[in-house]
Amino acid sequence: MNEFEIQVAKLLETNGWHVIRKGKGFDLLAIKGKVALMIECKDWNRDIAGKTLRKIVRRLKRAYREYKLPIPDNITVIPILVSSGMVKDTYRTEPVRIFTFEEFKKFASESF
């Protein structure tokens, strides 16, 4: 696990999430209450946009559709991309939610 993944995991754990590391097609799975976050972490020194962003989102969508995780059916799974840089693209990314790390800090601290 790289430093950025560790930083994201620590942030989640500090906010009451149970974090499981590494899955097929994503880096972290975090569970809190009836919500599970399927997270892909990207610590790049450049902005994410265009083909690169579409490729990451496609891979995360596929992992989301095909996930076979040890979590109950009554838990809502949210696929998320957390980037250390800016994300510069506005094409449709549903159901994947995209955050910079700073934006994700606020999201992770919300009560679920």
N, C-alpha and C. Protein backbone atom coordinates (compact mmCIF):
# COMPACT_ATOMS: atom_id res chain seq x y z
N MET A 1 0.86 -1.17 0.00
CA MET A 1 0.00 0.00 0.00
C MET A 1 0.91 1.24 0.00
N ASN A 2 0.57 2.21 -0.86
CA ASN A 2 1.40 3.40 -0.94
C ASN A 2 1.00 4.43 0.12
N GLU A 3 1.80 5.48 0.24
CA GLU A 3 1.59 6.50 1.28
C GLU A 3 0.23 7.19 1.17
N PHE A 4 -0.22 7.46 -0.05
CA PHE A 4 -1.51 8.13 -0.22
C PHE A 4 -2.65 7.22 0.23
N GLU A 5 -2.60 5.95 -0.11
CA GLU A 5 -3.61 5.00 0.35
C GLU A 5 -3.63 4.93 1.88
N ILE A 6 -2.46 4.94 2.49
CA ILE A 6 -2.37 4.93 3.95
C ILE A 6 -3.00 6.20 4.53
N GLN A 7 -2.72 7.34 3.90
CA GLN A 7 -3.29 8.61 4.36
C GLN A 7 -4.82 8.60 4.28
N VAL A 8 -5.36 8.08 3.16
CA VAL A 8 -6.81 7.99 3.00
C VAL A 8 -7.39 7.03 4.04
N ALA A 9 -6.74 5.87 4.25
CA ALA A 9 -7.21 4.89 5.22
C ALA A 9 -7.21 5.47 6.63
N LYS A 10 -6.16 6.18 7.01
CA LYS A 10 -6.09 6.78 8.34
C LYS A 10 -7.19 7.83 8.54
N LEU A 11 -7.44 8.62 7.50
CA LEU A 11 -8.52 9.61 7.58
C LEU A 11 -9.85 8.92 7.84
N LEU A 12 -10.11 7.85 7.12
CA LEU A 12 -11.36 7.12 7.30
C LEU A 12 -11.45 6.52 8.70
N GLU A 13 -10.39 5.87 9.14
CA GLU A 13 -10.40 5.24 10.46
C GLU A 13 -10.60 6.27 11.57
N THR A 14 -10.00 7.45 11.42
CA THR A 14 -10.18 8.53 12.39
C THR A 14 -11.64 8.96 12.47
N ASN A 15 -12.36 8.81 11.37
CA ASN A 15 -13.76 9.21 11.32
C ASN A 15 -14.73 8.04 11.53
N GLY A 16 -14.22 6.94 12.09
CA GLY A 16 -15.09 5.83 12.48
C GLY A 16 -15.37 4.78 11.43
N TRP A 17 -14.66 4.81 10.31
CA TRP A 17 -14.85 3.81 9.26
C TRP A 17 -13.97 2.59 9.56
N HIS A 18 -14.47 1.40 9.25
CA HIS A 18 -13.68 0.17 9.31
C HIS A 18 -13.09 -0.01 7.91
N VAL A 19 -11.77 -0.03 7.80
CA VAL A 19 -11.11 -0.07 6.49
C VAL A 19 -10.48 -1.42 6.22
N ILE A 20 -10.81 -1.95 5.05
CA ILE A 20 -10.21 -3.19 4.54
C ILE A 20 -9.38 -2.76 3.33
N ARG A 21 -8.15 -3.21 3.27
CA ARG A 21 -7.25 -2.77 2.21
C ARG A 21 -7.24 -3.74 1.02
N LYS A 22 -7.19 -3.17 -0.13
CA LYS A 22 -7.05 -3.86 -1.41
C LYS A 22 -8.21 -4.79 -1.76
N GLY A 23 -8.73 -4.57 -2.92
CA GLY A 23 -9.73 -5.43 -3.48
C GLY A 23 -9.46 -5.53 -4.97
N LYS A 24 -10.22 -6.30 -5.68
CA LYS A 24 -10.01 -6.43 -7.12
C LYS A 24 -10.66 -5.22 -7.81
N GLY A 25 -9.84 -4.35 -8.37
CA GLY A 25 -10.33 -3.18 -9.08
C GLY A 25 -10.45 -1.93 -8.24
N PHE A 26 -10.04 -2.01 -6.96
CA PHE A 26 -10.06 -0.83 -6.10
C PHE A 26 -9.01 -1.01 -5.00
N ASP A 27 -8.71 0.10 -4.30
CA ASP A 27 -7.65 0.07 -3.29
C ASP A 27 -8.14 -0.17 -1.87
N LEU A 28 -9.26 0.44 -1.50
CA LEU A 28 -9.76 0.36 -0.13
C LEU A 28 -11.26 0.10 -0.12
N LEU A 29 -11.70 -0.61 0.88
CA LEU A 29 -13.12 -0.76 1.16
C LEU A 29 -13.31 -0.26 2.58
N ALA A 30 -14.20 0.70 2.76
CA ALA A 30 -14.45 1.26 4.09
C ALA A 30 -15.94 1.09 4.41
N ILE A 31 -16.22 0.61 5.61
CA ILE A 31 -17.61 0.35 6.00
C ILE A 31 -17.93 1.13 7.27
N LYS A 32 -19.10 1.76 7.26
CA LYS A 32 -19.59 2.49 8.43
C LYS A 32 -21.11 2.46 8.37
N GLY A 33 -21.72 1.91 9.39
CA GLY A 33 -23.18 1.81 9.40
C GLY A 33 -23.66 0.97 8.23
N LYS A 34 -24.53 1.52 7.42
CA LYS A 34 -25.09 0.80 6.27
C LYS A 34 -24.50 1.28 4.95
N VAL A 35 -23.27 1.85 5.01
CA VAL A 35 -22.61 2.37 3.81
C VAL A 35 -21.22 1.74 3.69
N ALA A 36 -20.87 1.35 2.47
CA ALA A 36 -19.53 0.86 2.16
C ALA A 36 -18.97 1.72 1.03
N LEU A 37 -17.75 2.20 1.20
CA LEU A 37 -17.07 2.97 0.17
C LEU A 37 -16.04 2.08 -0.51
N MET A 38 -16.16 1.94 -1.83
CA MET A 38 -15.20 1.19 -2.64
C MET A 38 -14.31 2.26 -3.27
N ILE A 39 -13.07 2.40 -2.79
CA ILE A 39 -12.24 3.57 -3.09
C ILE A 39 -11.03 3.21 -3.94
N GLU A 40 -10.83 3.99 -4.98
CA GLU A 40 -9.61 3.97 -5.79
C GLU A 40 -8.84 5.25 -5.44
N CYS A 41 -7.58 5.11 -5.04
CA CYS A 41 -6.75 6.26 -4.66
C CYS A 41 -5.72 6.54 -5.74
N LYS A 42 -5.60 7.81 -6.13
CA LYS A 42 -4.60 8.20 -7.13
C LYS A 42 -3.79 9.37 -6.58
N ASP A 43 -2.51 9.11 -6.33
CA ASP A 43 -1.59 10.13 -5.83
C ASP A 43 -0.65 10.51 -6.96
N TRP A 44 -1.14 11.39 -7.81
CA TRP A 44 -0.37 11.81 -8.96
C TRP A 44 -0.04 13.28 -8.86
N ASN A 45 1.11 13.66 -9.41
CA ASN A 45 1.54 15.06 -9.41
C ASN A 45 0.94 15.83 -10.58
N ARG A 46 -0.08 15.28 -11.17
CA ARG A 46 -0.72 15.95 -12.31
C ARG A 46 -2.23 15.83 -12.16
N ASP A 47 -2.92 16.63 -12.92
CA ASP A 47 -4.38 16.58 -12.89
C ASP A 47 -4.86 15.32 -13.62
N ILE A 48 -6.03 14.85 -13.24
CA ILE A 48 -6.62 13.69 -13.91
C ILE A 48 -7.74 14.20 -14.81
N ALA A 49 -7.69 13.81 -16.08
CA ALA A 49 -8.71 14.24 -17.04
C ALA A 49 -8.70 13.29 -18.24
N GLY A 50 -9.62 13.52 -19.15
CA GLY A 50 -9.66 12.84 -20.43
C GLY A 50 -9.65 11.33 -20.35
N LYS A 51 -8.85 10.71 -21.23
CA LYS A 51 -8.79 9.25 -21.34
C LYS A 51 -8.40 8.59 -20.03
N THR A 52 -7.46 9.20 -19.33
CA THR A 52 -7.00 8.61 -18.07
C THR A 52 -8.13 8.53 -17.06
N LEU A 53 -8.89 9.60 -16.91
CA LEU A 53 -10.01 9.60 -15.99
C LEU A 53 -11.07 8.60 -16.42
N ARG A 54 -11.38 8.57 -17.70
CA ARG A 54 -12.39 7.63 -18.19
C ARG A 54 -11.98 6.18 -17.93
N LYS A 55 -10.69 5.87 -18.10
CA LYS A 55 -10.20 4.52 -17.86
C LYS A 55 -10.34 4.14 -16.38
N ILE A 56 -9.97 5.05 -15.48
CA ILE A 56 -10.08 4.79 -14.04
C ILE A 56 -11.54 4.58 -13.67
N VAL A 57 -12.41 5.44 -14.16
CA VAL A 57 -13.84 5.35 -13.83
C VAL A 57 -14.43 4.05 -14.38
N ARG A 58 -14.07 3.67 -15.62
CA ARG A 58 -14.56 2.42 -16.19
C ARG A 58 -14.16 1.22 -15.34
N ARG A 59 -12.90 1.20 -14.90
CA ARG A 59 -12.41 0.09 -14.08
C ARG A 59 -13.15 0.04 -12.73
N LEU A 60 -13.39 1.20 -12.14
CA LEU A 60 -14.09 1.25 -10.86
C LEU A 60 -15.57 0.87 -11.02
N LYS A 61 -16.18 1.29 -12.13
CA LYS A 61 -17.57 0.90 -12.40
C LYS A 61 -17.68 -0.62 -12.57
N ARG A 62 -16.71 -1.21 -13.27
CA ARG A 62 -16.72 -2.66 -13.47
C ARG A 62 -16.57 -3.37 -12.12
N ALA A 63 -15.66 -2.89 -11.29
CA ALA A 63 -15.48 -3.49 -9.96
C ALA A 63 -16.77 -3.36 -9.15
N TYR A 64 -17.44 -2.23 -9.27
CA TYR A 64 -18.69 -1.99 -8.56
C TYR A 64 -19.78 -2.96 -9.02
N ARG A 65 -19.91 -3.14 -10.35
CA ARG A 65 -20.93 -4.05 -10.90
C ARG A 65 -20.65 -5.50 -10.52
N GLU A 66 -19.38 -5.86 -10.50
CA GLU A 66 -19.01 -7.26 -10.33
C GLU A 66 -18.57 -7.61 -8.91
N TYR A 67 -18.69 -6.65 -7.99
CA TYR A 67 -18.12 -6.90 -6.67
C TYR A 67 -18.75 -8.11 -5.99
N LYS A 68 -17.90 -8.85 -5.35
CA LYS A 68 -18.32 -9.99 -4.54
C LYS A 68 -17.60 -9.82 -3.22
N LEU A 69 -18.10 -8.86 -2.45
CA LEU A 69 -17.45 -8.51 -1.20
C LEU A 69 -18.19 -9.14 -0.03
N PRO A 70 -17.49 -9.39 1.05
CA PRO A 70 -18.12 -10.01 2.22
C PRO A 70 -18.92 -8.99 3.04
N ILE A 71 -19.90 -8.34 2.39
CA ILE A 71 -20.74 -7.38 3.09
C ILE A 71 -22.21 -7.73 2.83
N PRO A 72 -23.07 -7.46 3.79
CA PRO A 72 -24.49 -7.79 3.64
C PRO A 72 -25.16 -7.03 2.50
N ASP A 73 -26.25 -7.60 1.97
CA ASP A 73 -26.98 -6.97 0.87
C ASP A 73 -27.63 -5.65 1.24
N ASN A 74 -27.89 -5.43 2.54
CA ASN A 74 -28.57 -4.20 2.94
C ASN A 74 -27.64 -3.00 3.08
N ILE A 75 -26.38 -3.16 2.70
CA ILE A 75 -25.42 -2.06 2.76
C ILE A 75 -25.30 -1.41 1.39
N THR A 76 -25.36 -0.08 1.37
CA THR A 76 -25.22 0.67 0.12
C THR A 76 -23.74 0.83 -0.19
N VAL A 77 -23.34 0.45 -1.40
CA VAL A 77 -21.95 0.56 -1.83
C VAL A 77 -21.80 1.79 -2.72
N ILE A 78 -20.82 2.64 -2.41
CA ILE A 78 -20.55 3.84 -3.19
C ILE A 78 -19.13 3.75 -3.74
N PRO A 79 -18.98 3.68 -5.08
CA PRO A 79 -17.63 3.68 -5.66
C PRO A 79 -17.09 5.11 -5.69
N ILE A 80 -15.84 5.28 -5.26
CA ILE A 80 -15.24 6.61 -5.12
C ILE A 80 -13.82 6.63 -5.67
N LEU A 81 -13.49 7.71 -6.36
CA LEU A 81 -12.11 8.00 -6.76
C LEU A 81 -11.65 9.18 -5.91
N VAL A 82 -10.53 9.00 -5.19
CA VAL A 82 -9.92 10.08 -4.42
C VAL A 82 -8.58 10.39 -5.06
N SER A 83 -8.39 11.66 -5.43
CA SER A 83 -7.18 12.08 -6.12
C SER A 83 -6.44 13.13 -5.31
N SER A 84 -5.11 13.03 -5.30
CA SER A 84 -4.31 14.05 -4.63
C SER A 84 -4.24 15.32 -5.49
N GLY A 85 -4.49 15.18 -6.79
CA GLY A 85 -4.49 16.34 -7.69
C GLY A 85 -5.91 16.71 -8.07
N MET A 86 -6.04 17.65 -8.94
CA MET A 86 -7.35 18.09 -9.41
C MET A 86 -7.89 17.12 -10.46
N VAL A 87 -9.20 17.04 -10.53
CA VAL A 87 -9.86 16.24 -11.54
C VAL A 87 -10.51 17.23 -12.50
N LYS A 88 -10.08 17.20 -13.76
CA LYS A 88 -10.55 18.18 -14.74
C LYS A 88 -11.31 17.52 -15.87
N ASP A 89 -12.51 17.14 -15.59
CA ASP A 89 -13.36 16.58 -16.64
C ASP A 89 -14.78 16.59 -16.11
N THR A 90 -15.73 16.76 -17.00
CA THR A 90 -17.11 16.84 -16.54
C THR A 90 -18.00 15.78 -17.17
N TYR A 91 -17.42 14.80 -17.84
CA TYR A 91 -18.26 13.78 -18.45
C TYR A 91 -18.95 12.95 -17.37
N ARG A 92 -19.95 12.24 -17.77
CA ARG A 92 -20.77 11.46 -16.82
C ARG A 92 -19.95 10.36 -16.13
N THR A 93 -19.93 10.39 -14.82
CA THR A 93 -19.15 9.41 -14.07
C THR A 93 -20.02 8.57 -13.13
N GLU A 94 -21.33 8.77 -13.12
CA GLU A 94 -22.23 8.01 -12.23
C GLU A 94 -22.04 6.52 -12.43
N PRO A 95 -22.05 5.70 -11.43
CA PRO A 95 -22.30 6.00 -10.01
C PRO A 95 -21.04 6.38 -9.25
N VAL A 96 -19.91 6.51 -9.94
CA VAL A 96 -18.65 6.84 -9.27
C VAL A 96 -18.65 8.29 -8.83
N ARG A 97 -18.31 8.51 -7.57
CA ARG A 97 -18.17 9.87 -7.04
C ARG A 97 -16.69 10.20 -7.02
N ILE A 98 -16.34 11.42 -7.43
CA ILE A 98 -14.95 11.81 -7.56
C ILE A 98 -14.65 12.98 -6.62
N PHE A 99 -13.56 12.83 -5.86
CA PHE A 99 -13.16 13.85 -4.89
C PHE A 99 -11.67 14.12 -4.98
N THR A 100 -11.27 15.37 -4.73
CA THR A 100 -9.88 15.62 -4.38
C THR A 100 -9.75 15.19 -2.93
N PHE A 101 -8.54 15.03 -2.44
CA PHE A 101 -8.35 14.61 -1.06
C PHE A 101 -8.98 15.62 -0.10
N GLU A 102 -8.83 16.90 -0.40
CA GLU A 102 -9.41 17.93 0.47
C GLU A 102 -10.93 17.82 0.52
N GLU A 103 -11.57 17.56 -0.60
CA GLU A 103 -13.03 17.38 -0.63
C GLU A 103 -13.44 16.10 0.11
N PHE A 104 -12.61 15.08 -0.03
CA PHE A 104 -12.92 13.80 0.59
C PHE A 104 -12.87 13.88 2.12
N LYS A 105 -12.00 14.73 2.66
CA LYS A 105 -11.92 14.90 4.11
C LYS A 105 -13.29 15.26 4.68
N LYS A 106 -13.99 16.17 4.03
CA LYS A 106 -15.32 16.59 4.50
C LYS A 106 -16.32 15.44 4.35
N PHE A 107 -16.29 14.79 3.20
CA PHE A 107 -17.21 13.67 2.94
C PHE A 107 -17.02 12.55 3.97
N ALA A 108 -15.77 12.19 4.27
CA ALA A 108 -15.49 11.09 5.19
C ALA A 108 -15.94 11.40 6.61
N SER A 109 -16.02 12.67 6.96
CA SER A 109 -16.40 13.03 8.31
C SER A 109 -17.92 13.14 8.50
N GLU A 110 -18.68 13.06 7.40
CA GLU A 110 -20.14 13.12 7.50
C GLU A 110 -20.65 11.86 8.21
N SER A 111 -21.76 12.00 8.89
CA SER A 111 -22.32 10.82 9.57
C SER A 111 -23.18 10.03 8.60
N PHE A 112 -23.01 8.73 8.63
CA PHE A 112 -23.76 7.84 7.76
C PHE A 112 -24.57 6.89 8.61
